[in-house]
């Protein structure tokens, strides 16, 4: 979650022009991570699941 906050702080006013966040399905990203971007009114999409090789 701290990484998400740092990113939004680094982007500053430019974050207002972003509408979507595309992220992978890694368990590292939880609801708290998504909440940071939802607070900025961004829509979050997860990448498609991959099939084992």
N, C-alpha and C. Protein backbone atom coordinates (compact mmCIF):
# COMPACT_ATOMS: atom_id res chain seq x y z
N UNK A 1 0.82 -1.18 0.00
CA UNK A 1 0.00 0.00 0.00
C UNK A 1 0.87 1.25 0.00
N UNK A 2 1.97 1.22 0.70
CA UNK A 2 2.85 2.38 0.74
C UNK A 2 3.38 2.72 -0.65
N UNK A 3 3.65 1.70 -1.46
CA UNK A 3 4.12 1.94 -2.82
C UNK A 3 3.07 2.66 -3.64
N UNK A 4 1.81 2.31 -3.46
CA UNK A 4 0.72 2.97 -4.18
C UNK A 4 0.63 4.43 -3.75
N UNK A 5 0.76 4.68 -2.46
CA UNK A 5 0.72 6.08 -1.98
C UNK A 5 1.89 6.88 -2.53
N UNK A 6 3.07 6.25 -2.55
CA UNK A 6 4.24 6.95 -3.08
C UNK A 6 4.05 7.29 -4.55
N UNK A 7 3.50 6.36 -5.31
CA UNK A 7 3.27 6.61 -6.74
C UNK A 7 2.30 7.76 -6.94
N UNK A 8 1.19 7.75 -6.22
CA UNK A 8 0.22 8.83 -6.39
C UNK A 8 0.81 10.17 -5.98
N UNK A 9 1.64 10.18 -4.95
CA UNK A 9 2.29 11.42 -4.54
C UNK A 9 3.29 11.89 -5.59
N UNK A 10 4.05 10.97 -6.18
CA UNK A 10 5.02 11.33 -7.21
C UNK A 10 4.35 11.87 -8.46
N UNK A 11 3.18 11.33 -8.79
CA UNK A 11 2.48 11.79 -9.98
C UNK A 11 1.86 13.17 -9.77
N UNK A 12 1.54 13.49 -8.53
CA UNK A 12 0.98 14.81 -8.23
C UNK A 12 -0.27 15.09 -9.04
N UNK A 13 -0.31 16.24 -9.64
CA UNK A 13 -1.50 16.68 -10.40
C UNK A 13 -1.73 15.84 -11.65
N UNK A 14 -0.68 15.20 -12.15
CA UNK A 14 -0.83 14.38 -13.37
C UNK A 14 -1.75 13.19 -13.16
N UNK A 15 -1.94 12.77 -11.92
CA UNK A 15 -2.79 11.60 -11.67
C UNK A 15 -4.24 11.89 -12.06
N UNK A 16 -4.63 13.15 -12.08
CA UNK A 16 -5.99 13.52 -12.45
C UNK A 16 -6.32 13.12 -13.89
N UNK A 17 -5.31 13.01 -14.75
CA UNK A 17 -5.55 12.66 -16.15
C UNK A 17 -5.65 11.14 -16.35
N UNK A 18 -5.32 10.36 -15.33
CA UNK A 18 -5.39 8.90 -15.44
C UNK A 18 -6.77 8.41 -15.05
N UNK A 19 -7.30 7.46 -15.83
CA UNK A 19 -8.64 6.95 -15.55
C UNK A 19 -8.63 5.47 -15.19
N UNK A 20 -7.61 4.73 -15.60
CA UNK A 20 -7.57 3.29 -15.41
C UNK A 20 -6.23 2.85 -14.84
N UNK A 21 -6.27 1.74 -14.11
CA UNK A 21 -5.06 1.08 -13.64
C UNK A 21 -5.18 -0.38 -14.06
N UNK A 22 -4.22 -0.85 -14.81
CA UNK A 22 -4.18 -2.26 -15.21
C UNK A 22 -3.08 -2.91 -14.39
N UNK A 23 -3.46 -3.91 -13.62
CA UNK A 23 -2.48 -4.60 -12.78
C UNK A 23 -2.64 -6.10 -12.93
N UNK A 24 -1.60 -6.81 -12.51
CA UNK A 24 -1.69 -8.27 -12.60
C UNK A 24 -2.45 -8.82 -11.40
N UNK A 25 -2.62 -10.12 -11.38
CA UNK A 25 -3.42 -10.76 -10.35
C UNK A 25 -2.59 -11.24 -9.16
N UNK A 26 -1.40 -10.75 -9.03
CA UNK A 26 -0.51 -11.14 -7.94
C UNK A 26 -1.18 -10.86 -6.59
N UNK A 27 -1.00 -11.76 -5.66
CA UNK A 27 -1.57 -11.60 -4.34
C UNK A 27 -0.97 -10.45 -3.56
N UNK A 28 0.12 -9.88 -4.07
CA UNK A 28 0.75 -8.74 -3.42
C UNK A 28 -0.20 -7.54 -3.38
N UNK A 29 -1.02 -7.45 -4.40
CA UNK A 29 -1.94 -6.32 -4.51
C UNK A 29 -3.26 -6.67 -3.86
N UNK A 30 -3.54 -6.06 -2.75
CA UNK A 30 -4.78 -6.35 -2.04
C UNK A 30 -5.76 -5.20 -2.16
N UNK A 31 -6.81 -5.27 -1.38
CA UNK A 31 -7.83 -4.23 -1.39
C UNK A 31 -7.27 -2.87 -0.98
N UNK A 32 -6.32 -2.86 -0.05
CA UNK A 32 -5.75 -1.59 0.39
C UNK A 32 -5.01 -0.91 -0.76
N UNK A 33 -4.31 -1.69 -1.57
CA UNK A 33 -3.60 -1.15 -2.73
C UNK A 33 -4.60 -0.54 -3.70
N UNK A 34 -5.65 -1.28 -4.00
CA UNK A 34 -6.67 -0.79 -4.92
C UNK A 34 -7.38 0.44 -4.37
N UNK A 35 -7.60 0.48 -3.07
CA UNK A 35 -8.33 1.59 -2.45
C UNK A 35 -7.61 2.92 -2.67
N UNK A 36 -6.29 2.90 -2.71
CA UNK A 36 -5.53 4.13 -2.94
C UNK A 36 -5.88 4.71 -4.30
N UNK A 37 -6.00 3.85 -5.30
CA UNK A 37 -6.30 4.32 -6.66
C UNK A 37 -7.79 4.60 -6.84
N UNK A 38 -8.63 3.85 -6.15
CA UNK A 38 -10.06 4.16 -6.21
C UNK A 38 -10.35 5.52 -5.59
N UNK A 39 -9.60 5.88 -4.58
CA UNK A 39 -9.76 7.20 -3.96
C UNK A 39 -9.46 8.31 -4.96
N UNK A 40 -8.63 8.00 -5.95
CA UNK A 40 -8.31 8.95 -7.01
C UNK A 40 -9.28 8.82 -8.19
N UNK A 41 -10.37 8.06 -7.95
CA UNK A 41 -11.43 7.84 -8.94
C UNK A 41 -10.94 7.12 -10.19
N UNK A 42 -10.01 6.18 -9.99
CA UNK A 42 -9.52 5.37 -11.10
C UNK A 42 -10.24 4.03 -11.08
N UNK A 43 -10.48 3.49 -12.27
CA UNK A 43 -11.07 2.17 -12.40
C UNK A 43 -9.93 1.16 -12.50
N UNK A 44 -10.05 0.05 -11.79
CA UNK A 44 -8.97 -0.93 -11.73
C UNK A 44 -9.37 -2.19 -12.50
N UNK A 45 -8.47 -2.60 -13.40
CA UNK A 45 -8.65 -3.81 -14.18
C UNK A 45 -7.49 -4.76 -13.87
N UNK A 46 -7.83 -6.04 -13.76
CA UNK A 46 -6.80 -7.05 -13.56
C UNK A 46 -6.51 -7.72 -14.89
N UNK A 47 -5.25 -8.06 -15.12
CA UNK A 47 -4.89 -8.75 -16.36
C UNK A 47 -5.57 -10.11 -16.41
N UNK A 48 -5.65 -10.66 -17.60
CA UNK A 48 -6.26 -11.97 -17.77
C UNK A 48 -5.43 -13.04 -17.07
N UNK A 49 -6.09 -14.05 -16.50
CA UNK A 49 -5.32 -15.12 -15.86
C UNK A 49 -4.53 -15.91 -16.91
N UNK A 50 -3.39 -16.40 -16.48
CA UNK A 50 -2.56 -17.22 -17.38
C UNK A 50 -2.76 -18.68 -17.07
N UNK A 51 -2.71 -19.48 -18.08
CA UNK A 51 -2.81 -20.94 -17.91
C UNK A 51 -1.43 -21.52 -17.70
N UNK A 52 -1.31 -22.54 -16.88
CA UNK A 52 0.00 -23.17 -16.71
C UNK A 52 0.50 -23.76 -18.03
N UNK A 53 1.78 -23.72 -18.22
CA UNK A 53 2.37 -24.23 -19.48
C UNK A 53 2.45 -25.73 -19.49
